[in-house]
Amino acid sequence: MPLMLVAAVLLCAYLLLRNAGLYLSVPDEWVYSKSARLLALDVVGVPSYLYFLAFKGTNVCGTGFLDCTRMLNVVFLVSALPFVYLVCRRVASKPVSLLVAILALLGPINTYTAYFMPESMYLLMFWVLAWLALKGSGSRPFLYGMTLGAVLAMMGLVKAHAIFLLPAVMAFVAGRFAVLRHARPATSALMALAGLVIAALVVRFGLGYLLAGPSGLSLFGQVYGSVTPSSQDEGRALRLVIQGLLSLKGHAMALAALYALPLAAVFYFPPRSEGSAAIRAECDQVRLFTFFVFACLLAMTTLFTANVAGSNAMESIARLHMRYYNFAIPLLLVVVAGQISPSTIRPGIRGALPAAAFGVLAILAITGLLDGFVPGIVDSPELRGLTISPVVFRVMAALGVVTMVTWIFNAKVGSRVFLFALFPLVVAISGWRANGELRQAMVADSYASAGIFARQYIGRSVEPTLVVGADHSASYRAMFYLDNPNATNVVIPEGEIVPDAKVPGTARWLLVIGEHALPASAREQAQFGGFTLARLGPEVQSIDFTAGSWPGVISSKQGLSSPEPWGTWSDGTRVVLQFSNPLPREFTLLLKGHTIGDTNEPIGVVVGTDRREIRLPQPQELSLDYSTDGNQRAIAFEIPWAKSMKELRISEDPRRLGIGFVSLQVTSRAPASPAPKALADQPAETEVTSP
């Protein structure tokens, strides 16, 4: 429909502009970015294989991978618009359904499009699942179940949390045939459940194996598998339940403060005398689906929070992980929309009971009991958008309670006030404030700046790098922009020296953010106001030819073309790399590259008066040992046979191509022990043809 298309285009434009220029990053982003772009699927720690496969393509954007990621996120989020609309159309008119779909995606949940995280893709797949679950025909229950199982399994390959939706979907499928008064409800339910389980197992493990091999058969992967509670510790199980209930209290108050009326409506099943049987059956199905989804997801969320509480500085019972279920919150709007179309419904006593429960929870939140919980912009953007101003939060929550009381006496009036007035106001306020918090990241902080600088300075090197800082979470932001799969981090209190004991023996670079003295083993390469980059281990100077310059390593260059995604071509018969500092007296030159057309013509490599000949008939690495007087600064490559594509009549490219440089590394080494005279008198080798 034209209006939906216009809404989708406008929403895309708005989100793309809002996300532009943000230097955001949270710890999860580094895990997802590294796994999707820098690692093979069979070694990733999180089993989000389908998501990683989809976002591996952002590598084509080079250093702009984050911009491409945000574009993909926007596409996935906006693609959910028609599915939210179609779900709502089962219980409401076209205009109301379009309003619900727009409000659902216009709120703070769209802030996830700014992150390298699977939330947007997962949201789309959930709403595909919801549409199929509510739309499915009861005439072919086995096929209906298989469809749901396949979609649910693919959701599990985007986020492993989808496994906790399985009980909800199974319970809904079983109850749906009873709600629809199917001719053979028990038989049909069993057939649908059988199809669901079979398809879920086959698709999850079959597709997982195809994408990641034996590693894909792990349900939770290495990361989530390490945080699953042990069944051997009975005391821990009891503590998990107690802490889970504490977490549930926070989630219950938060939800009641924001959605008191919709939650009460979920628990209100009007008598059969009210409204048409067809609409009532559709509304009952939506309520049933909503109830089971939220019941399972809240149980999972609170137990997960209890399990990881105290595992690091960021995890506690006070943390509200609403992002584990906020993708389903539009279901609450659909429930409310279903009470606008029918003839007047007066919930009365039957509606007052659930309303009283959620009203009490909302009042507790208003009076300050929710203050002990922490709503973050990533974990719970809807709540964070309102609680930035405690006064605004309390006023909006109080209006929600008043609207719910109105609903008790007249469901149609209360639902209209909520859907057409109160909730749009909540979306506007929370969205505006959440966007404001995002836009605070328009300027890169010291951690983001350090990562960006180190990425430019080091290039695409994958040498192990240690990031040091006083802020555990922010250090992941530095690693995100550093973009090195072998980067690790360590937290050192501000002002303290970085001890050698904290530096892994394999680390070759040290990126220190804040005021920290370097360990004795580090050699400073660059120092700015907020961070320092230092070298570790043997003296190594590396050149990544996908970059166009190498500050602190190369002072000038001659005979190189423009960099390309794989490296750089030589242009002419001679390439000269002038180093910023004198080359070591004894060093090893490691060159990775190939020749144009894989020719076997000789290439001269000259350092001072020492000239060697090499051949690169195929892509390979060559190692050459040199001895100098300690004053040499240049390495030259002689390619007398270089020719242009124009000379060869292949194309109009005038560049005289010879060597395809990929990387070059100069590593100092200890002076060789004096050789026996008989050997010392022998002539040196002058040609190297293999590594």
Foldseek 3Di string as FASTA:
>chain_A
DVVLVVLLVVQLVVQLVLLPQFLDDWLVQLLLCCCLAPDAVQPRQFLLLVLSPVLNVLCVVPLCSLSVQLSVLSVLQSLLLVLQLLLLVQQFDNVLSNLLSSLLSLFLVVVCSNGNALLSNLLSLVSVLSSLLLVPDLVQLLVSLLVNLQSLLNSCSNHLLSVLCVVLSLVLLLCLCVLVVPPDSVVSSVSSNVSNVVNNVCNQQVVLCVRHNPQSNDSGGNPVVVLDDDPVDPVLVVQLVVLLVVLLLLVLLLCLLQQLQLQLLLQFQADPVFFDSSSSSSLVSLSSSLVSLCVSQSSVQSSSLSSCAPVDPVGHSLEAQCSSPSSPVSSSLSNLNSQQPTPWDARAPRSVVSSVVSLVSNVCVLVPPSVSHDYDCNRHLLSVLQVVPSVSSNVLSVVNNVLNVVCNGTSNVSSCCVSVPSSVVSRVRSRVSSSVVSCVSSDPDQLLVLLQVLCQQVPQDQQAEEEEEQDPGSNSSSCSSVVHSNYDYDHDHAPEEDEPVPDDPRHFKYKYFHHYHYYPQWAWQDDDDGITITTGDFDKAKDFQQHDDHPSFFPDKPQWDHHDPQGTWGFDFKIKTFTPAFADQKKKKKFWWAWVVLDQDWKWKDWPPDIAIEGHSDTAIDIDIHGDPRHTGMIMIGHPPFAACVVVVNDPGRGRTTIGTGMMMIGGDDDDDDDPPVVVPDDDDRYDYHD
